[in-house]
Amino acid sequence: MMKRCSELYLDMLMILVMLGTPIAMFLSVMLKIYNRLFGSKSVKSIAGEIAVVTGGARGLGKLISIELAKQGCHIVIADIDLKQAEETANYLSDSYKVNAKAYKVDVSNYEEVVELNKNIIHDLGKATILVNNAGIMLFTDPSNPDWKEVQRMINVNLTANIWTNRVFLENMKEVGKGHIVAISSVAGITPFPFHPEYTSTKYAIRGLMQVLRIDLKMEEKFRNIKTTSVFPTFLNTNANILEMLKSSTFSKIAVAHDGEKVAKRIIQGILQNEEEISVPEIKLAFSKCTDLWPVEIFDRIVKRILLKEEK
């Protein structure tokens, strides 16, 4: 009898949640707009902290590293391309008078991530900011990708985040503060048609960061360790992405955003402890709203937008 009452209670609770969801979504959007216009502009200082940026040798990773250096952070460029990483590190040291060092590392390899952390502690100190930026989006043959390329995408886009979070979070717990940033994608909140592998990894990152955020909040002693998930759309930092966008139907609904502006927005989010950021801003709220649409309607709209249907 008690089991039956418990199940009935849960059913009633689910119904109430479902009925209240549209209202909650509306209030969420209004709150976000209010906070952007009138919310507190107080920011924290990250000067003197050591920040690890994976895939930081070029593109968005390099731009994020520059913005962190402007805040007075010492920068670790963790990249598979050591030559380019060293060039970026040297530029940061010369331009912003911070300590910057490059390390060649495959962040999808757990043992290499552990070794990276040991080297950073020896050379610079304990890193308390982690920006998981490294990622792969395109295949050599998008229509029929080689399984090795698929596995590499999974390793870099997802597995690497699991290992780096695990290793560098220990530093943050020891010193009682820190910030972990995941550069996901709008594909992590809205399906990216024709790219199931990429979409899967980005949805997984969203879930990984949600769990991490909740876990940290459940422990009072970890309240000063913050997380930020970033969901950017296409950026102008990658020529291959720009070419793909130009030649595809995605150009109907998306434009390439300026990488420098996105990097500045990400740093603003870190300084203000924002937990989720999307570029464009409205995309996150819009995607959450579309989760309420009937599947048939959502699929039909996406199809009509992306496919050139015959008259």
Protein backbone atom coordinates (compact mmCIF):
# COMPACT_ATOMS: atom_id res chain seq x y z
CA MET A 1 0.00 0.00 0.00
CA MET A 2 2.81 2.41 0.94
CA LYS A 3 4.61 1.55 -2.29
CA ARG A 4 1.47 2.32 -4.28
CA CYS A 5 1.04 5.66 -2.49
CA SER A 6 4.67 6.51 -3.17
CA GLU A 7 4.26 5.78 -6.88
CA LEU A 8 1.07 7.86 -6.99
CA TYR A 9 2.88 10.74 -5.29
CA LEU A 10 5.68 10.60 -7.86
CA ASP A 11 3.16 10.52 -10.72
CA MET A 12 1.39 13.58 -9.33
CA LEU A 13 4.71 15.35 -8.88
CA MET A 14 5.67 14.62 -12.49
CA ILE A 15 2.35 16.01 -13.73
CA LEU A 16 2.83 19.20 -11.72
CA VAL A 17 6.35 19.59 -13.05
CA MET A 18 5.15 19.14 -16.63
CA LEU A 19 2.34 21.66 -16.18
CA GLY A 20 4.69 24.16 -14.60
CA THR A 21 7.50 23.78 -17.13
CA PRO A 22 6.25 26.40 -19.65
CA ILE A 23 5.93 28.93 -16.84
CA ALA A 24 9.37 28.03 -15.51
CA MET A 25 10.88 28.40 -18.98
CA PHE A 26 9.29 31.82 -19.43
CA LEU A 27 10.54 32.99 -16.04
CA SER A 28 13.99 31.59 -16.84
CA VAL A 29 14.21 33.61 -20.05
CA MET A 30 12.96 36.76 -18.31
CA LEU A 31 15.43 36.29 -15.47
CA LYS A 32 18.31 35.89 -17.91
CA ILE A 33 17.31 39.06 -19.74
CA TYR A 34 16.98 40.93 -16.44
CA ASN A 35 20.38 39.74 -15.20
CA ARG A 36 22.03 40.75 -18.47
CA LEU A 37 20.50 44.25 -18.30
CA PHE A 38 20.33 45.01 -14.59
CA GLY A 39 22.10 42.20 -12.74
CA SER A 40 25.19 42.54 -10.59
CA LYS A 41 28.32 43.34 -12.54
CA SER A 42 30.65 42.28 -9.72
CA VAL A 43 33.54 40.16 -10.88
CA LYS A 44 36.16 38.06 -9.18
CA SER A 45 39.89 38.42 -9.67
CA ILE A 46 41.87 35.61 -11.28
CA ALA A 47 45.17 37.48 -11.41
CA GLY A 48 48.10 35.28 -10.53
CA GLU A 49 46.23 32.01 -11.06
CA ILE A 50 47.55 29.33 -13.39
CA ALA A 51 45.20 28.52 -16.26
CA VAL A 52 45.45 25.45 -18.48
CA VAL A 53 43.98 25.84 -21.96
CA THR A 54 43.76 22.65 -24.00
CA GLY A 55 44.05 23.14 -27.74
CA GLY A 56 45.36 26.60 -26.89
CA ALA A 57 47.93 26.91 -29.65
CA ARG A 58 45.58 28.48 -32.19
CA GLY A 59 42.00 29.48 -32.93
CA LEU A 60 39.58 30.05 -30.08
CA GLY A 61 41.97 28.45 -27.60
CA LYS A 62 44.64 31.01 -28.39
CA LEU A 63 42.15 33.88 -28.11
CA ILE A 64 40.94 32.59 -24.74
CA SER A 65 44.57 32.35 -23.58
CA ILE A 66 45.14 35.97 -24.58
CA GLU A 67 42.10 37.13 -22.64
CA LEU A 68 43.18 35.15 -19.58
CA ALA A 69 46.65 36.67 -19.81
CA LYS A 70 45.08 40.12 -19.90
CA GLN A 71 43.51 39.25 -16.54
CA GLY A 72 46.95 38.46 -15.14
CA CYS A 73 46.76 34.66 -15.35
CA HIS A 74 49.82 32.55 -15.97
CA ILE A 75 49.05 30.37 -18.97
CA VAL A 76 49.68 26.74 -19.85
CA ILE A 77 49.20 25.95 -23.53
CA ALA A 78 48.47 22.22 -23.75
CA ASP A 79 48.42 21.14 -27.36
CA ILE A 80 49.45 18.32 -29.66
CA ASP A 81 51.28 20.85 -31.85
CA LEU A 82 54.27 21.85 -29.71
CA LYS A 83 55.80 24.28 -32.22
CA GLN A 84 52.63 26.36 -32.52
CA ALA A 85 52.00 26.08 -28.78
CA GLU A 86 55.47 27.47 -28.05
CA GLU A 87 54.90 30.37 -30.42
CA THR A 88 51.65 31.21 -28.64
CA ALA A 89 53.27 30.89 -25.19
CA ASN A 90 56.14 33.16 -26.22
CA TYR A 91 53.69 35.73 -27.55
CA LEU A 92 51.79 35.73 -24.26
CA SER A 93 54.96 36.09 -22.19
CA ASP A 94 56.27 38.96 -24.30
CA SER A 95 52.97 40.80 -24.69
CA TYR A 96 51.39 40.49 -21.25
CA LYS A 97 54.33 39.88 -18.91
CA VAL A 98 52.92 36.65 -17.50
CA ASN A 99 54.47 33.24 -17.21
CA ALA A 100 53.39 31.15 -20.17
CA LYS A 101 54.63 27.69 -21.05
CA ALA A 102 53.81 25.20 -23.77
CA TYR A 103 53.48 21.45 -23.31
CA LYS A 104 52.98 18.81 -25.94
CA VAL A 105 50.24 16.49 -24.73
CA ASP A 106 47.50 14.25 -26.03
CA VAL A 107 44.76 15.21 -23.58
CA SER A 108 42.78 12.09 -24.46
CA ASN A 109 45.56 10.00 -22.87
CA TYR A 110 45.08 9.81 -19.11
CA GLU A 111 48.72 9.08 -18.30
CA GLU A 112 49.86 12.06 -20.36
CA VAL A 113 47.38 14.33 -18.54
CA VAL A 114 48.71 13.11 -15.17
CA GLU A 115 52.28 13.77 -16.33
CA LEU A 116 51.23 17.21 -17.62
CA ASN A 117 49.88 18.15 -14.21
CA LYS A 118 53.09 17.02 -12.49
CA ASN A 119 55.18 19.09 -14.90
CA ILE A 120 53.00 22.18 -14.42
CA ILE A 121 53.25 21.91 -10.62
CA HIS A 122 57.03 21.59 -10.89
CA ASP A 123 57.43 24.44 -13.39
CA LEU A 124 54.71 26.93 -12.40
CA GLY A 125 52.57 25.69 -9.52
CA LYS A 126 49.10 24.20 -9.17
CA ALA A 127 46.67 25.09 -11.93
CA THR A 128 43.29 26.29 -10.65
CA ILE A 129 41.66 27.23 -13.96
CA LEU A 130 41.00 24.63 -16.65
CA VAL A 131 39.59 25.48 -20.08
CA ASN A 132 38.69 22.35 -22.01
CA ASN A 133 38.85 23.80 -25.50
CA ALA A 134 40.47 21.02 -27.57
CA GLY A 135 38.04 19.51 -30.03
CA ILE A 136 37.49 17.98 -33.46
CA MET A 137 34.51 18.85 -35.64
CA LEU A 138 35.12 17.73 -39.22
CA PHE A 139 36.05 14.41 -40.82
CA THR A 140 38.07 13.87 -43.97
CA ASP A 141 34.98 12.26 -45.49
CA PRO A 142 31.90 13.58 -43.62
CA SER A 143 29.50 11.25 -45.43
CA ASN A 144 31.42 8.08 -44.55
CA PRO A 145 34.07 8.82 -41.89
CA ASP A 146 36.78 6.30 -41.14
CA TRP A 147 36.18 4.58 -37.81
CA LYS A 148 39.58 5.70 -36.55
CA GLU A 149 38.62 9.33 -37.12
CA VAL A 150 35.34 8.74 -35.30
CA GLN A 151 37.16 7.22 -32.34
CA ARG A 152 39.64 10.10 -32.32
CA MET A 153 36.75 12.59 -32.21
CA ILE A 154 35.22 10.79 -29.24
CA ASN A 155 38.59 10.67 -27.49
CA VAL A 156 39.36 14.37 -27.94
CA ASN A 157 35.86 15.84 -27.60
CA LEU A 158 34.70 13.75 -24.64
CA THR A 159 37.25 11.44 -23.04
CA ALA A 160 39.84 14.21 -22.76
CA ASN A 161 37.39 16.32 -20.73
CA ILE A 162 36.80 13.45 -18.32
CA TRP A 163 40.54 12.99 -17.73
CA THR A 164 41.46 16.66 -17.43
CA ASN A 165 38.54 17.35 -15.08
CA ARG A 166 39.54 14.41 -12.93
CA VAL A 167 43.21 15.37 -12.70
CA PHE A 168 43.02 19.15 -12.33
CA LEU A 169 39.99 19.10 -10.04
CA GLU A 170 42.23 17.57 -7.38
CA ASN A 171 44.39 20.72 -7.44
CA MET A 172 41.32 22.88 -6.98
CA LYS A 173 40.02 20.79 -4.09
CA GLU A 174 43.38 21.03 -2.35
CA VAL A 175 43.54 24.84 -2.55
CA GLY A 176 39.79 25.34 -2.09
CA LYS A 177 39.06 27.26 -5.27
CA GLY A 178 39.04 26.90 -9.04
CA HIS A 179 37.10 27.13 -12.27
CA ILE A 180 36.47 24.53 -14.97
CA VAL A 181 35.27 25.65 -18.39
CA ALA A 182 34.00 23.35 -21.13
CA ILE A 183 33.82 24.68 -24.67
CA SER A 184 30.91 22.66 -25.97
CA SER A 185 28.83 23.77 -28.97
CA VAL A 186 25.28 24.67 -29.90
CA ALA A 187 25.30 21.04 -31.06
CA GLY A 188 25.27 20.23 -27.35
CA ILE A 189 21.82 21.80 -26.93
CA THR A 190 20.35 21.38 -30.43
CA PRO A 191 20.94 18.39 -32.73
CA PHE A 192 23.41 19.10 -35.54
CA PRO A 193 21.91 17.28 -38.57
CA PHE A 194 24.26 15.08 -40.64
CA HIS A 195 26.85 15.09 -37.80
CA PRO A 196 25.69 12.40 -35.34
CA GLU A 197 29.15 11.66 -33.92
CA TYR A 198 29.98 15.31 -33.23
CA THR A 199 26.54 16.00 -31.77
CA SER A 200 26.84 12.97 -29.49
CA THR A 201 30.12 14.17 -28.01
CA LYS A 202 28.79 17.66 -27.38
CA TYR A 203 25.59 16.43 -25.75
CA ALA A 204 27.79 14.27 -23.55
CA ILE A 205 29.88 17.27 -22.50
CA ARG A 206 26.72 19.07 -21.47
CA GLY A 207 25.74 16.14 -19.25
CA LEU A 208 29.27 15.79 -17.86
CA MET A 209 29.34 19.45 -16.80
CA GLN A 210 25.83 19.35 -15.33
CA VAL A 211 26.79 16.47 -13.08
CA LEU A 212 30.07 18.13 -12.10
CA ARG A 213 28.25 21.36 -11.24
CA ILE A 214 25.72 19.55 -9.05
CA ASP A 215 28.36 17.41 -7.36
CA LEU A 216 30.40 20.47 -6.37
CA LYS A 217 27.35 22.24 -4.98
CA MET A 218 26.52 19.25 -2.80
CA GLU A 219 29.80 19.72 -0.90
CA GLU A 220 29.99 22.98 1.05
CA LYS A 221 33.79 22.89 1.14
CA PHE A 222 33.90 22.97 -2.69
CA ARG A 223 31.58 25.99 -3.08
CA ASN A 224 34.45 28.10 -4.45
CA ILE A 225 35.04 25.72 -7.35
CA LYS A 226 32.91 26.95 -10.23
CA THR A 227 31.98 25.61 -13.66
CA THR A 228 31.02 27.24 -16.95
CA SER A 229 29.63 25.45 -19.99
CA VAL A 230 29.93 27.36 -23.27
CA PHE A 231 27.73 26.64 -26.28
CA PRO A 232 29.06 28.67 -29.23
CA THR A 233 27.84 28.44 -32.78
CA PHE A 234 30.17 28.65 -35.79
CA LEU A 235 33.27 30.83 -35.33
CA ASN A 236 35.49 32.60 -37.84
CA THR A 237 38.64 31.11 -36.29
CA ASN A 238 38.74 28.01 -38.51
CA ALA A 239 38.98 28.29 -42.30
CA ASN A 240 37.67 24.74 -42.82
CA ILE A 241 34.58 25.48 -40.73
CA LEU A 242 33.94 28.67 -42.68
CA GLU A 243 34.18 26.76 -45.96
CA MET A 244 31.81 24.07 -44.70
CA LEU A 245 29.34 26.71 -43.54
CA LYS A 246 29.52 28.56 -46.84
CA SER A 247 28.84 25.46 -48.92
CA SER A 248 26.10 23.98 -46.73
CA THR A 249 22.48 24.73 -45.93
CA PHE A 250 23.51 25.75 -42.40
CA SER A 251 24.28 29.19 -43.83
CA LYS A 252 20.50 29.71 -43.88
CA ILE A 253 20.27 29.78 -40.10
CA ALA A 254 23.76 30.50 -38.79
CA VAL A 255 26.53 33.03 -39.20
CA ALA A 256 30.15 32.82 -38.16
CA HIS A 257 30.74 34.79 -34.98
CA ASP A 258 33.91 36.71 -34.26
CA GLY A 259 36.26 34.52 -32.24
CA GLU A 260 37.78 37.43 -30.32
CA LYS A 261 34.36 38.60 -29.13
CA VAL A 262 33.43 35.07 -28.11
CA ALA A 263 36.69 34.71 -26.14
CA LYS A 264 35.96 37.97 -24.31
CA ARG A 265 32.44 36.74 -23.54
CA ILE A 266 33.83 33.50 -22.11
CA ILE A 267 36.22 35.35 -19.80
CA GLN A 268 33.37 37.60 -18.69
CA GLY A 269 31.44 34.44 -17.83
CA ILE A 270 34.35 33.11 -15.78
CA LEU A 271 34.76 36.37 -13.87
CA GLN A 272 31.04 36.50 -13.07
CA ASN A 273 30.76 32.75 -12.35
CA GLU A 274 28.15 32.20 -15.05
CA GLU A 275 27.28 28.52 -15.31
CA GLU A 276 26.04 28.44 -18.91
CA ILE A 277 26.79 30.70 -21.87
CA SER A 278 25.56 30.44 -25.43
CA VAL A 279 26.59 32.43 -28.49
CA PRO A 280 24.26 33.92 -29.60
CA GLU A 281 22.88 34.57 -26.09
CA ILE A 282 19.27 33.66 -26.87
CA LYS A 283 20.20 30.26 -28.29
CA LEU A 284 20.34 28.46 -24.95
CA ALA A 285 16.93 29.65 -23.81
CA PHE A 286 15.43 28.99 -27.26
CA SER A 287 16.79 25.44 -27.36
CA LYS A 288 15.38 24.67 -23.93
CA CYS A 289 12.01 25.93 -25.10
CA THR A 290 12.07 23.77 -28.22
CA ASP A 291 12.52 20.72 -25.98
CA LEU A 292 8.85 21.22 -25.14
CA TRP A 293 7.74 21.02 -28.77
CA PRO A 294 6.18 17.80 -30.08
CA VAL A 295 8.84 15.74 -31.84
CA GLU A 296 6.98 15.80 -35.14
CA ILE A 297 6.84 19.59 -35.20
CA PHE A 298 10.49 20.04 -34.26
CA ASP A 299 11.69 17.56 -36.89
CA ARG A 300 9.52 19.07 -39.60
CA ILE A 301 10.75 22.60 -38.93
CA VAL A 302 14.40 21.51 -39.01
CA LYS A 303 13.81 19.64 -42.24
CA ARG A 304 12.10 22.58 -43.93
CA ILE A 305 14.90 24.94 -42.89
CA LEU A 306 17.84 22.78 -43.91
CA LEU A 307 16.71 20.85 -46.93
CA LYS A 308 16.01 22.31 -50.33
CA GLU A 309 12.75 20.56 -51.06
CA GLU A 310 11.60 20.25 -54.63
CA LYS A 311 8.66 22.38 -55.62
